[in-house]
Amino acid sequence: ARWLVHRRIAELPPAVRTAYRRSVEAKARQWLEQGQAQRDRHLLERVVSEAFCSESAEMALDRLGDLALERAEFELAEHYWLMLADYPQPRTAKDGVPSPRLRFPDPKGSEALVQAKLILGLFLRGEQAEAKRQWDAFRQKHPDAQGNLAGRSGRLADILQSVFASDPGFAVRGVARRDWPTFGGEASRGRIIDRATVPYWPDVPTWRA
C-alpha cells in the first residue's frame, strides 16, 4: 500500500508535489543527514520508504546503491539506482515485458552518473557482455559526461572503459574467477590472497576489540 501511495504522489502535478514536499522534507532531511553521517542504511531506507517523493529521497537512493555495491550486493544496488534512472538501453524482464517500477519524480542529479553506476554493477557481477552493450549505448548518449566513479574523476565513459580493461576482480594478479571454486576460496574456507588482488579493500582494520 505504501508503494502504491508513493506512485500516486509521484504522478501528481509538480505544484502539488512541491506542497507535499514542504510537509515531509524537514524530517526526511534529518534522517538523510544522520544516515549519511553514520553510514546507517536503515535510516536511509526509512527516507525512501516513508518519504519517497521528498527531495532527500533522491540522495538516499543513490547512497543506498553505493553502500550495497560496497557489500557486493549488486542486484540490490541496481534496485535502488533503477528508481533514479533506467539503463542507457532499457532492459526487459525475462518474459520480454518491461517490469513496472517506481521511479523518483523529477530528479536533479546526473542521469549519466546513475547509468554509469548501473553499468559498473553489471560488470562487477559478471555480466561483462551486457555491460559492454550498455557502455556502447552510454557513449552515444553521454559522450562527454563527467563525474566521480570507481575512485576516479573524469569522463565517465573513459572511466568505465579503464575498469573493463583492468578487471578489478580476481584476475588482477592472475587469480581468475574460475580459480575460486567455493566460499572462502577453497574447501578449508581459509584461502589467503595477495592484497593487490582486491585493490578496493581498505588497508586498515575494519573492527575493534
N, C-alpha and C. Protein backbone atom coordinates (compact mmCIF):
# COMPACT_ATOMS: atom_id res chain seq x y z
N ALA A 1 0.83 -1.20 0.00
CA ALA A 1 0.00 0.00 0.00
C ALA A 1 0.87 1.26 0.00
N ARG A 2 1.97 1.19 0.76
CA ARG A 2 2.86 2.36 0.85
C ARG A 2 3.42 2.71 -0.53
N TRP A 3 3.85 1.69 -1.29
CA TRP A 3 4.45 1.98 -2.59
C TRP A 3 3.41 2.47 -3.58
N LEU A 4 2.18 1.99 -3.47
CA LEU A 4 1.12 2.50 -4.34
C LEU A 4 0.85 3.97 -4.06
N VAL A 5 0.89 4.35 -2.78
CA VAL A 5 0.70 5.75 -2.43
C VAL A 5 1.84 6.60 -2.98
N HIS A 6 3.08 6.10 -2.85
CA HIS A 6 4.23 6.84 -3.40
C HIS A 6 4.07 7.02 -4.91
N ARG A 7 3.58 5.98 -5.58
CA ARG A 7 3.40 6.10 -7.03
C ARG A 7 2.39 7.18 -7.36
N ARG A 8 1.30 7.24 -6.60
CA ARG A 8 0.29 8.26 -6.85
C ARG A 8 0.86 9.66 -6.60
N ILE A 9 1.65 9.81 -5.55
CA ILE A 9 2.25 11.12 -5.27
C ILE A 9 3.21 11.50 -6.38
N ALA A 10 3.98 10.52 -6.88
CA ALA A 10 4.94 10.80 -7.95
C ALA A 10 4.25 11.27 -9.22
N GLU A 11 2.98 10.88 -9.40
CA GLU A 11 2.25 11.25 -10.60
C GLU A 11 1.50 12.57 -10.46
N LEU A 12 1.56 13.20 -9.28
CA LEU A 12 0.85 14.47 -9.07
C LEU A 12 1.50 15.59 -9.88
N PRO A 13 0.75 16.66 -10.18
CA PRO A 13 1.36 17.82 -10.84
C PRO A 13 2.49 18.38 -9.99
N PRO A 14 3.53 18.95 -10.60
CA PRO A 14 4.68 19.46 -9.85
C PRO A 14 4.31 20.41 -8.73
N ALA A 15 3.34 21.29 -8.94
CA ALA A 15 2.98 22.26 -7.91
C ALA A 15 2.41 21.57 -6.67
N VAL A 16 1.61 20.53 -6.89
CA VAL A 16 1.03 19.79 -5.77
C VAL A 16 2.11 18.99 -5.05
N ARG A 17 3.02 18.42 -5.82
CA ARG A 17 4.11 17.65 -5.21
C ARG A 17 5.03 18.55 -4.40
N THR A 18 5.21 19.78 -4.84
CA THR A 18 6.02 20.74 -4.08
C THR A 18 5.39 21.00 -2.72
N ALA A 19 4.08 21.13 -2.68
CA ALA A 19 3.39 21.34 -1.40
C ALA A 19 3.55 20.13 -0.50
N TYR A 20 3.48 18.93 -1.09
CA TYR A 20 3.69 17.70 -0.30
C TYR A 20 5.10 17.68 0.29
N ARG A 21 6.08 18.06 -0.53
CA ARG A 21 7.46 18.01 -0.06
C ARG A 21 7.69 18.96 1.11
N ARG A 22 7.03 20.10 1.10
CA ARG A 22 7.19 21.03 2.22
C ARG A 22 6.76 20.39 3.54
N SER A 23 5.81 19.46 3.46
CA SER A 23 5.29 18.86 4.69
C SER A 23 6.16 17.72 5.21
N VAL A 24 7.03 17.15 4.38
CA VAL A 24 7.81 15.98 4.81
C VAL A 24 9.31 16.20 4.78
N GLU A 25 9.76 17.30 4.15
CA GLU A 25 11.18 17.43 3.87
C GLU A 25 12.03 17.57 5.13
N ALA A 26 11.54 18.28 6.14
CA ALA A 26 12.35 18.50 7.34
C ALA A 26 12.71 17.18 8.01
N LYS A 27 11.74 16.30 8.20
CA LYS A 27 12.01 15.01 8.83
C LYS A 27 12.87 14.12 7.93
N ALA A 28 12.57 14.12 6.63
CA ALA A 28 13.35 13.30 5.69
C ALA A 28 14.80 13.75 5.66
N ARG A 29 15.03 15.06 5.68
CA ARG A 29 16.39 15.59 5.67
C ARG A 29 17.14 15.19 6.93
N GLN A 30 16.46 15.17 8.06
CA GLN A 30 17.08 14.76 9.31
C GLN A 30 17.54 13.30 9.24
N TRP A 31 16.66 12.43 8.73
CA TRP A 31 17.04 11.02 8.59
C TRP A 31 18.20 10.87 7.61
N LEU A 32 18.16 11.62 6.51
CA LEU A 32 19.21 11.53 5.50
C LEU A 32 20.56 11.93 6.08
N GLU A 33 20.62 13.07 6.74
CA GLU A 33 21.89 13.55 7.27
C GLU A 33 22.45 12.61 8.33
N GLN A 34 21.57 12.10 9.18
CA GLN A 34 22.02 11.17 10.20
C GLN A 34 22.47 9.85 9.57
N GLY A 35 21.72 9.37 8.59
CA GLY A 35 22.07 8.12 7.91
C GLY A 35 23.39 8.22 7.17
N GLN A 36 23.64 9.36 6.52
CA GLN A 36 24.91 9.54 5.82
C GLN A 36 26.08 9.62 6.80
N ALA A 37 25.89 10.36 7.89
CA ALA A 37 26.97 10.52 8.86
C ALA A 37 27.34 9.19 9.50
N GLN A 38 26.35 8.34 9.74
CA GLN A 38 26.58 7.08 10.43
C GLN A 38 26.68 5.88 9.48
N ARG A 39 26.57 6.13 8.19
CA ARG A 39 26.53 5.05 7.20
C ARG A 39 25.47 4.02 7.61
N ASP A 40 24.32 4.51 8.02
CA ASP A 40 23.24 3.68 8.53
C ASP A 40 22.22 3.47 7.42
N ARG A 41 22.24 2.30 6.82
CA ARG A 41 21.34 2.09 5.69
C ARG A 41 19.89 2.01 6.13
N HIS A 42 19.63 1.68 7.40
CA HIS A 42 18.25 1.60 7.86
C HIS A 42 17.61 2.98 7.89
N LEU A 43 18.36 3.99 8.29
CA LEU A 43 17.83 5.36 8.26
C LEU A 43 17.63 5.82 6.83
N LEU A 44 18.57 5.47 5.94
CA LEU A 44 18.41 5.86 4.54
C LEU A 44 17.21 5.16 3.92
N GLU A 45 17.01 3.90 4.28
CA GLU A 45 15.84 3.18 3.77
C GLU A 45 14.54 3.78 4.31
N ARG A 46 14.62 4.35 5.51
CA ARG A 46 13.44 4.99 6.07
C ARG A 46 13.05 6.21 5.25
N VAL A 47 14.05 6.96 4.80
CA VAL A 47 13.76 8.10 3.93
C VAL A 47 13.00 7.64 2.69
N VAL A 48 13.49 6.54 2.10
CA VAL A 48 12.89 6.05 0.85
C VAL A 48 11.50 5.48 1.09
N SER A 49 11.35 4.70 2.15
CA SER A 49 10.07 4.01 2.37
C SER A 49 8.98 4.93 2.89
N GLU A 50 9.35 5.96 3.66
CA GLU A 50 8.34 6.82 4.26
C GLU A 50 8.19 8.17 3.56
N ALA A 51 9.20 8.57 2.80
CA ALA A 51 9.13 9.89 2.13
C ALA A 51 9.76 9.80 0.75
N PHE A 52 9.28 8.85 -0.05
CA PHE A 52 9.93 8.56 -1.33
C PHE A 52 9.98 9.77 -2.25
N CYS A 53 8.95 10.59 -2.23
CA CYS A 53 8.91 11.73 -3.16
C CYS A 53 9.52 13.00 -2.58
N SER A 54 10.15 12.90 -1.41
CA SER A 54 10.85 14.06 -0.88
C SER A 54 12.15 14.28 -1.65
N GLU A 55 12.68 15.49 -1.58
CA GLU A 55 13.95 15.77 -2.26
C GLU A 55 15.08 14.93 -1.66
N SER A 56 15.02 14.66 -0.37
CA SER A 56 16.08 13.88 0.29
C SER A 56 16.14 12.45 -0.20
N ALA A 57 15.02 11.92 -0.69
CA ALA A 57 14.98 10.52 -1.11
C ALA A 57 15.90 10.27 -2.31
N GLU A 58 16.08 11.28 -3.16
CA GLU A 58 16.96 11.08 -4.31
C GLU A 58 18.38 10.77 -3.85
N MET A 59 18.90 11.54 -2.90
CA MET A 59 20.24 11.30 -2.40
C MET A 59 20.30 10.00 -1.60
N ALA A 60 19.22 9.68 -0.88
CA ALA A 60 19.19 8.44 -0.11
C ALA A 60 19.25 7.22 -1.03
N LEU A 61 18.52 7.25 -2.14
CA LEU A 61 18.56 6.15 -3.10
C LEU A 61 19.95 5.96 -3.69
N ASP A 62 20.58 7.06 -4.05
CA ASP A 62 21.92 6.99 -4.62
C ASP A 62 22.91 6.41 -3.61
N ARG A 63 22.81 6.88 -2.35
CA ARG A 63 23.73 6.41 -1.31
C ARG A 63 23.47 4.95 -0.96
N LEU A 64 22.21 4.54 -0.93
CA LEU A 64 21.89 3.14 -0.67
C LEU A 64 22.48 2.23 -1.74
N GLY A 65 22.44 2.69 -2.99
CA GLY A 65 23.07 1.91 -4.06
C GLY A 65 24.56 1.79 -3.86
N ASP A 66 25.20 2.91 -3.46
CA ASP A 66 26.65 2.88 -3.22
C ASP A 66 27.01 1.90 -2.11
N LEU A 67 26.25 1.94 -1.02
CA LEU A 67 26.54 1.06 0.12
C LEU A 67 26.32 -0.40 -0.24
N ALA A 68 25.27 -0.67 -1.03
CA ALA A 68 25.02 -2.04 -1.47
C ALA A 68 26.14 -2.54 -2.36
N LEU A 69 26.64 -1.68 -3.24
CA LEU A 69 27.75 -2.07 -4.12
C LEU A 69 29.00 -2.39 -3.29
N GLU A 70 29.26 -1.60 -2.24
CA GLU A 70 30.41 -1.87 -1.38
C GLU A 70 30.31 -3.24 -0.72
N ARG A 71 29.07 -3.69 -0.44
CA ARG A 71 28.87 -5.01 0.18
C ARG A 71 28.76 -6.11 -0.87
N ALA A 72 28.99 -5.77 -2.14
CA ALA A 72 28.88 -6.72 -3.25
C ALA A 72 27.46 -7.25 -3.43
N GLU A 73 26.47 -6.48 -2.99
CA GLU A 73 25.07 -6.82 -3.22
C GLU A 73 24.63 -6.09 -4.49
N PHE A 74 25.07 -6.62 -5.64
CA PHE A 74 24.95 -5.90 -6.90
C PHE A 74 23.50 -5.74 -7.34
N GLU A 75 22.67 -6.79 -7.15
CA GLU A 75 21.27 -6.67 -7.56
C GLU A 75 20.54 -5.65 -6.70
N LEU A 76 20.89 -5.57 -5.42
CA LEU A 76 20.25 -4.58 -4.54
C LEU A 76 20.67 -3.17 -4.95
N ALA A 77 21.94 -2.98 -5.28
CA ALA A 77 22.39 -1.67 -5.77
C ALA A 77 21.61 -1.28 -7.02
N GLU A 78 21.44 -2.24 -7.93
CA GLU A 78 20.67 -1.98 -9.15
C GLU A 78 19.24 -1.59 -8.81
N HIS A 79 18.65 -2.26 -7.83
CA HIS A 79 17.27 -1.97 -7.41
C HIS A 79 17.12 -0.52 -7.00
N TYR A 80 18.05 0.00 -6.23
CA TYR A 80 17.96 1.39 -5.79
C TYR A 80 18.20 2.36 -6.95
N TRP A 81 19.24 2.11 -7.73
CA TRP A 81 19.59 3.05 -8.80
C TRP A 81 18.54 3.10 -9.90
N LEU A 82 17.85 1.97 -10.15
CA LEU A 82 16.82 1.98 -11.17
C LEU A 82 15.62 2.83 -10.78
N MET A 83 15.52 3.20 -9.51
CA MET A 83 14.47 4.13 -9.11
C MET A 83 14.82 5.56 -9.49
N LEU A 84 16.09 5.78 -9.87
CA LEU A 84 16.54 7.12 -10.27
C LEU A 84 16.66 7.26 -11.79
N ALA A 85 17.08 6.20 -12.47
CA ALA A 85 17.26 6.26 -13.92
C ALA A 85 17.29 4.85 -14.47
N ASP A 86 16.93 4.72 -15.74
CA ASP A 86 16.98 3.41 -16.40
C ASP A 86 18.36 3.23 -17.05
N TYR A 87 18.64 2.03 -17.51
CA TYR A 87 19.86 1.79 -18.27
C TYR A 87 19.83 2.61 -19.56
N PRO A 88 21.00 2.90 -20.13
CA PRO A 88 21.01 3.61 -21.43
C PRO A 88 20.21 2.86 -22.49
N GLN A 89 20.29 1.53 -22.44
CA GLN A 89 19.49 0.66 -23.31
C GLN A 89 18.54 -0.11 -22.40
N PRO A 90 17.28 0.35 -22.24
CA PRO A 90 16.39 -0.26 -21.26
C PRO A 90 16.31 -1.78 -21.40
N ARG A 91 16.37 -2.45 -20.25
CA ARG A 91 16.29 -3.91 -20.24
C ARG A 91 14.85 -4.34 -19.93
N THR A 92 14.50 -5.54 -20.34
CA THR A 92 13.17 -6.07 -20.10
C THR A 92 13.27 -7.29 -19.20
N ALA A 93 12.14 -7.68 -18.63
CA ALA A 93 12.10 -8.87 -17.80
C ALA A 93 12.29 -10.11 -18.68
N LYS A 94 12.42 -11.27 -18.05
CA LYS A 94 12.71 -12.50 -18.80
C LYS A 94 11.62 -12.83 -19.80
N ASP A 95 10.38 -12.43 -19.52
CA ASP A 95 9.30 -12.72 -20.46
C ASP A 95 9.18 -11.67 -21.56
N GLY A 96 10.12 -10.71 -21.58
CA GLY A 96 10.13 -9.70 -22.62
C GLY A 96 9.25 -8.50 -22.34
N VAL A 97 8.55 -8.52 -21.22
CA VAL A 97 7.67 -7.41 -20.87
C VAL A 97 8.37 -6.53 -19.84
N PRO A 98 8.47 -5.22 -20.09
CA PRO A 98 9.11 -4.34 -19.10
C PRO A 98 8.41 -4.43 -17.75
N SER A 99 9.17 -4.56 -16.69
CA SER A 99 8.58 -4.67 -15.35
C SER A 99 8.23 -3.27 -14.85
N PRO A 100 7.04 -3.12 -14.25
CA PRO A 100 6.67 -1.81 -13.71
C PRO A 100 7.60 -1.44 -12.56
N ARG A 101 8.03 -0.20 -12.51
CA ARG A 101 8.99 0.20 -11.48
C ARG A 101 8.65 1.61 -11.00
N LEU A 102 8.72 1.77 -9.69
CA LEU A 102 8.53 3.09 -9.12
C LEU A 102 9.76 3.94 -9.46
N ARG A 103 9.55 5.13 -9.99
CA ARG A 103 10.64 5.99 -10.41
C ARG A 103 10.54 7.32 -9.66
N PHE A 104 11.67 7.77 -9.12
CA PHE A 104 11.69 9.03 -8.40
C PHE A 104 11.33 10.18 -9.35
N PRO A 105 10.39 11.06 -8.95
CA PRO A 105 9.97 12.13 -9.86
C PRO A 105 10.97 13.27 -9.92
N ASP A 106 11.12 13.85 -11.09
CA ASP A 106 11.99 14.99 -11.38
C ASP A 106 13.31 15.01 -10.61
N PRO A 107 14.17 14.00 -10.84
CA PRO A 107 15.47 14.00 -10.15
C PRO A 107 16.34 15.17 -10.61
N LYS A 108 17.14 15.69 -9.70
CA LYS A 108 18.02 16.82 -10.02
C LYS A 108 19.46 16.37 -10.25
N GLY A 109 19.78 15.15 -9.88
CA GLY A 109 21.14 14.65 -10.05
C GLY A 109 21.44 14.24 -11.48
N SER A 110 22.65 13.73 -11.68
CA SER A 110 23.12 13.37 -13.02
C SER A 110 22.60 12.00 -13.44
N GLU A 111 21.79 11.97 -14.50
CA GLU A 111 21.34 10.69 -15.06
C GLU A 111 22.54 9.87 -15.54
N ALA A 112 23.52 10.55 -16.13
CA ALA A 112 24.69 9.85 -16.66
C ALA A 112 25.45 9.12 -15.56
N LEU A 113 25.60 9.75 -14.40
CA LEU A 113 26.34 9.11 -13.31
C LEU A 113 25.59 7.88 -12.80
N VAL A 114 24.28 7.97 -12.66
CA VAL A 114 23.50 6.82 -12.21
C VAL A 114 23.63 5.68 -13.22
N GLN A 115 23.54 6.00 -14.51
CA GLN A 115 23.66 4.95 -15.53
C GLN A 115 25.05 4.34 -15.54
N ALA A 116 26.07 5.16 -15.31
CA ALA A 116 27.43 4.63 -15.23
C ALA A 116 27.56 3.66 -14.06
N LYS A 117 26.94 3.98 -12.92
CA LYS A 117 26.97 3.08 -11.77
C LYS A 117 26.25 1.77 -12.09
N LEU A 118 25.13 1.86 -12.79
CA LEU A 118 24.40 0.65 -13.18
C LEU A 118 25.28 -0.25 -14.05
N ILE A 119 26.00 0.35 -14.99
CA ILE A 119 26.88 -0.42 -15.87
C ILE A 119 28.03 -1.04 -15.08
N LEU A 120 28.59 -0.27 -14.15
CA LEU A 120 29.66 -0.81 -13.31
C LEU A 120 29.17 -2.00 -12.51
N GLY A 121 27.94 -1.91 -11.97
CA GLY A 121 27.38 -3.03 -11.23
C GLY A 121 27.21 -4.27 -12.10
N LEU A 122 26.77 -4.09 -13.34
CA LEU A 122 26.67 -5.22 -14.26
C LEU A 122 28.02 -5.91 -14.44
N PHE A 123 29.05 -5.11 -14.65
CA PHE A 123 30.38 -5.66 -14.88
C PHE A 123 30.89 -6.43 -13.66
N LEU A 124 30.70 -5.84 -12.49
CA LEU A 124 31.25 -6.46 -11.28
C LEU A 124 30.53 -7.74 -10.90
N ARG A 125 29.28 -7.89 -11.34
CA ARG A 125 28.58 -9.13 -11.03
C ARG A 125 28.73 -10.17 -12.14
N GLY A 126 29.61 -9.90 -13.08
CA GLY A 126 29.97 -10.91 -14.07
C GLY A 126 29.25 -10.83 -15.38
N GLU A 127 28.39 -9.84 -15.60
CA GLU A 127 27.67 -9.71 -16.87
C GLU A 127 28.44 -8.79 -17.80
N GLN A 128 29.65 -9.24 -18.19
CA GLN A 128 30.52 -8.38 -18.97
C GLN A 128 29.95 -8.04 -20.34
N ALA A 129 29.32 -9.01 -21.00
CA ALA A 129 28.78 -8.76 -22.34
C ALA A 129 27.68 -7.71 -22.29
N GLU A 130 26.79 -7.82 -21.31
CA GLU A 130 25.72 -6.84 -21.19
C GLU A 130 26.27 -5.48 -20.77
N ALA A 131 27.29 -5.48 -19.91
CA ALA A 131 27.92 -4.22 -19.51
C ALA A 131 28.52 -3.53 -20.73
N LYS A 132 29.16 -4.29 -21.62
CA LYS A 132 29.74 -3.71 -22.83
C LYS A 132 28.64 -3.16 -23.75
N ARG A 133 27.53 -3.87 -23.86
CA ARG A 133 26.42 -3.39 -24.70
C ARG A 133 25.87 -2.08 -24.14
N GLN A 134 25.70 -2.03 -22.82
CA GLN A 134 25.19 -0.81 -22.21
C GLN A 134 26.20 0.33 -22.32
N TRP A 135 27.48 -0.01 -22.23
CA TRP A 135 28.53 1.02 -22.34
C TRP A 135 28.51 1.65 -23.73
N ASP A 136 28.32 0.82 -24.76
CA ASP A 136 28.24 1.36 -26.13
C ASP A 136 27.08 2.36 -26.24
N ALA A 137 25.93 2.01 -25.65
CA ALA A 137 24.78 2.92 -25.68
C ALA A 137 25.07 4.17 -24.85
N PHE A 138 25.78 3.98 -23.73
CA PHE A 138 26.11 5.11 -22.86
C PHE A 138 27.01 6.11 -23.59
N ARG A 139 28.00 5.60 -24.33
CA ARG A 139 28.90 6.50 -25.08
C ARG A 139 28.13 7.34 -26.09
N GLN A 140 27.11 6.76 -26.69
CA GLN A 140 26.31 7.51 -27.66
C GLN A 140 25.45 8.56 -26.98
N LYS A 141 24.94 8.23 -25.80
CA LYS A 141 24.01 9.11 -25.11
C LYS A 141 24.71 10.19 -24.28
N HIS A 142 25.82 9.82 -23.64
CA HIS A 142 26.53 10.76 -22.75
C HIS A 142 28.03 10.77 -23.08
N PRO A 143 28.41 11.20 -24.28
CA PRO A 143 29.82 11.08 -24.67
C PRO A 143 30.77 11.92 -23.83
N ASP A 144 30.32 13.03 -23.28
CA ASP A 144 31.22 13.93 -22.55
C ASP A 144 30.86 14.10 -21.09
N ALA A 145 29.99 13.23 -20.57
CA ALA A 145 29.55 13.37 -19.17
C ALA A 145 30.73 13.15 -18.23
N GLN A 146 30.83 14.02 -17.23
CA GLN A 146 31.92 13.96 -16.25
C GLN A 146 31.35 13.54 -14.89
N GLY A 147 32.23 12.98 -14.03
CA GLY A 147 31.79 12.60 -12.70
C GLY A 147 32.84 11.82 -11.95
N ASN A 148 32.49 11.40 -10.74
CA ASN A 148 33.36 10.59 -9.90
C ASN A 148 32.81 9.17 -9.87
N LEU A 149 33.66 8.21 -10.24
CA LEU A 149 33.22 6.82 -10.32
C LEU A 149 34.41 5.91 -10.07
N ALA A 150 34.20 4.87 -9.27
CA ALA A 150 35.25 3.87 -9.02
C ALA A 150 36.54 4.50 -8.50
N GLY A 151 36.38 5.53 -7.67
CA GLY A 151 37.55 6.18 -7.09
C GLY A 151 38.30 7.09 -8.03
N ARG A 152 37.70 7.43 -9.17
CA ARG A 152 38.36 8.28 -10.15
C ARG A 152 37.43 9.42 -10.57
N SER A 153 38.03 10.47 -11.09
CA SER A 153 37.26 11.60 -11.60
C SER A 153 37.60 11.80 -13.07
N GLY A 154 36.60 12.17 -13.86
CA GLY A 154 36.85 12.43 -15.27
C GLY A 154 35.64 12.06 -16.10
N ARG A 155 35.89 11.78 -17.38
CA ARG A 155 34.81 11.42 -18.29
C ARG A 155 34.34 10.01 -17.96
N LEU A 156 33.06 9.87 -17.70
CA LEU A 156 32.53 8.61 -17.19
C LEU A 156 32.73 7.46 -18.17
N ALA A 157 32.55 7.70 -19.46
CA ALA A 157 32.73 6.64 -20.44
C ALA A 157 34.17 6.12 -20.42
N ASP A 158 35.14 7.02 -20.24
CA ASP A 158 36.54 6.61 -20.19
C ASP A 158 36.85 5.84 -18.92
N ILE A 159 36.25 6.26 -17.79
CA ILE A 159 36.47 5.54 -16.53
C ILE A 159 35.95 4.12 -16.65
N LEU A 160 34.75 3.96 -17.20
CA LEU A 160 34.20 2.61 -17.38
C LEU A 160 35.10 1.77 -18.28
N GLN A 161 35.60 2.37 -19.35
CA GLN A 161 36.47 1.63 -20.26
C GLN A 161 37.73 1.16 -19.54
N SER A 162 38.30 2.01 -18.69
CA SER A 162 39.51 1.62 -17.98
C SER A 162 39.22 0.52 -16.95
N VAL A 163 38.03 0.56 -16.34
CA VAL A 163 37.65 -0.52 -15.41
C VAL A 163 37.51 -1.83 -16.17
N PHE A 164 36.87 -1.79 -17.34
CA PHE A 164 36.73 -3.00 -18.14
C PHE A 164 38.10 -3.57 -18.50
N ALA A 165 39.03 -2.68 -18.84
CA ALA A 165 40.35 -3.13 -19.27
C ALA A 165 41.16 -3.72 -18.12
N SER A 166 41.00 -3.15 -16.93
CA SER A 166 41.82 -3.62 -15.80
C SER A 166 41.20 -4.79 -15.07
N ASP A 167 39.88 -4.95 -15.17
CA ASP A 167 39.15 -6.01 -14.46
C ASP A 167 39.54 -6.05 -12.99
N PRO A 168 38.88 -5.27 -12.14
CA PRO A 168 39.27 -5.22 -10.74
C PRO A 168 38.84 -6.43 -9.93
N GLY A 169 38.43 -7.52 -10.59
CA GLY A 169 38.09 -8.74 -9.89
C GLY A 169 39.34 -9.55 -9.59
N PHE A 170 39.16 -10.84 -9.49
CA PHE A 170 40.27 -11.69 -9.08
C PHE A 170 41.24 -12.01 -10.20
N ALA A 171 41.08 -11.37 -11.35
CA ALA A 171 42.04 -11.58 -12.43
C ALA A 171 43.20 -10.61 -12.36
N VAL A 172 43.21 -9.71 -11.37
CA VAL A 172 44.23 -8.67 -11.30
C VAL A 172 45.63 -9.27 -11.20
N ARG A 173 45.79 -10.27 -10.34
CA ARG A 173 47.10 -10.91 -10.17
C ARG A 173 47.08 -12.36 -10.60
N GLY A 174 46.29 -12.63 -11.63
CA GLY A 174 46.26 -13.98 -12.18
C GLY A 174 45.37 -14.94 -11.42
N VAL A 175 44.58 -14.46 -10.45
CA VAL A 175 43.66 -15.34 -9.74
C VAL A 175 42.33 -15.25 -10.46
N ALA A 176 42.13 -16.10 -11.43
CA ALA A 176 40.95 -16.00 -12.28
C ALA A 176 39.69 -16.38 -11.50
N ARG A 177 38.53 -15.92 -11.97
CA ARG A 177 37.28 -16.24 -11.28
C ARG A 177 37.05 -17.74 -11.23
N ARG A 178 37.44 -18.46 -12.27
CA ARG A 178 37.21 -19.90 -12.27
C ARG A 178 38.10 -20.61 -11.26
N ASP A 179 39.11 -19.90 -10.73
CA ASP A 179 40.01 -20.48 -9.76
C ASP A 179 39.56 -20.17 -8.33
N TRP A 180 38.29 -19.83 -8.18
CA TRP A 180 37.72 -19.51 -6.86
C TRP A 180 36.51 -20.43 -6.69
N PRO A 181 36.73 -21.71 -6.42
CA PRO A 181 35.67 -22.71 -6.60
C PRO A 181 34.58 -22.71 -5.54
N THR A 182 34.83 -22.11 -4.37
CA THR A 182 33.83 -22.21 -3.31
C THR A 182 33.98 -21.04 -2.35
N PHE A 183 33.05 -20.94 -1.43
CA PHE A 183 33.10 -19.86 -0.45
C PHE A 183 34.42 -19.91 0.32
N GLY A 184 35.09 -18.76 0.44
CA GLY A 184 36.36 -18.74 1.13
C GLY A 184 37.53 -19.11 0.26
N GLY A 185 37.28 -19.43 -1.03
CA GLY A 185 38.38 -19.68 -1.95
C GLY A 185 38.85 -21.10 -2.02
N GLU A 186 38.60 -21.91 -1.00
CA GLU A 186 39.00 -23.32 -1.01
C GLU A 186 38.17 -24.05 0.04
N ALA A 187 38.30 -25.37 0.07
CA ALA A 187 37.46 -26.19 0.95
C ALA A 187 37.63 -25.81 2.42
N SER A 188 38.83 -25.39 2.80
CA SER A 188 39.08 -25.03 4.20
C SER A 188 38.50 -23.66 4.57
N ARG A 189 38.00 -22.92 3.57
CA ARG A 189 37.47 -21.55 3.75
C ARG A 189 38.55 -20.60 4.25
N GLY A 190 39.82 -20.91 4.02
CA GLY A 190 40.87 -20.08 4.57
C GLY A 190 41.90 -19.62 3.55
N ARG A 191 41.53 -19.55 2.28
CA ARG A 191 42.50 -19.15 1.27
C ARG A 191 42.98 -17.71 1.51
N ILE A 192 44.26 -17.50 1.39
CA ILE A 192 44.86 -16.18 1.56
C ILE A 192 45.25 -15.64 0.20
N ILE A 193 44.84 -14.41 -0.11
CA ILE A 193 45.17 -13.80 -1.39
C ILE A 193 46.02 -12.57 -1.17
N ASP A 194 46.74 -12.21 -2.22
CA ASP A 194 47.59 -11.04 -2.16
C ASP A 194 46.75 -9.77 -2.06
N ARG A 195 47.23 -8.78 -1.32
CA ARG A 195 46.48 -7.54 -1.12
C ARG A 195 46.12 -6.88 -2.44
N ALA A 196 47.02 -6.93 -3.41
CA ALA A 196 46.78 -6.25 -4.69
C ALA A 196 45.66 -6.91 -5.48
N THR A 197 45.28 -8.14 -5.11
CA THR A 197 44.21 -8.81 -5.83
C THR A 197 42.88 -8.10 -5.66
N VAL A 198 42.67 -7.51 -4.50
CA VAL A 198 41.42 -6.79 -4.22
C VAL A 198 41.77 -5.35 -3.91
N PRO A 199 41.96 -4.52 -4.93
CA PRO A 199 42.52 -3.19 -4.72
C PRO A 199 41.64 -2.24 -3.93
N TYR A 200 40.33 -2.57 -3.79
CA TYR A 200 39.45 -1.63 -3.10
C TYR A 200 39.19 -2.03 -1.65
N TRP A 201 39.86 -3.07 -1.17
CA TRP A 201 39.70 -3.45 0.23
C TRP A 201 40.50 -2.48 1.09
N PRO A 202 39.90 -1.96 2.17
CA PRO A 202 40.64 -0.97 2.98
C PRO A 202 41.89 -1.55 3.61
N ASP A 203 42.96 -0.79 3.61
CA ASP A 203 44.24 -1.23 4.15
C ASP A 203 44.34 -0.90 5.65
N VAL A 204 43.20 -0.96 6.32
CA VAL A 204 43.16 -0.70 7.77
C VAL A 204 42.18 -1.68 8.39
N PRO A 205 42.32 -1.96 9.68
CA PRO A 205 41.32 -2.83 10.33
C PRO A 205 39.92 -2.24 10.23
N THR A 206 38.92 -3.08 10.03
CA THR A 206 37.55 -2.61 9.93
C THR A 206 36.76 -2.96 11.18
N TRP A 207 37.46 -3.34 12.25
CA TRP A 207 36.78 -3.69 13.50
C TRP A 207 37.67 -3.34 14.67
N ARG A 208 37.08 -3.30 15.87
CA ARG A 208 37.84 -3.08 17.09
C ARG A 208 37.48 -4.15 18.10
N ALA A 209 38.44 -4.47 18.97
CA ALA A 209 38.18 -5.43 20.03
C ALA A 209 38.21 -4.70 21.37
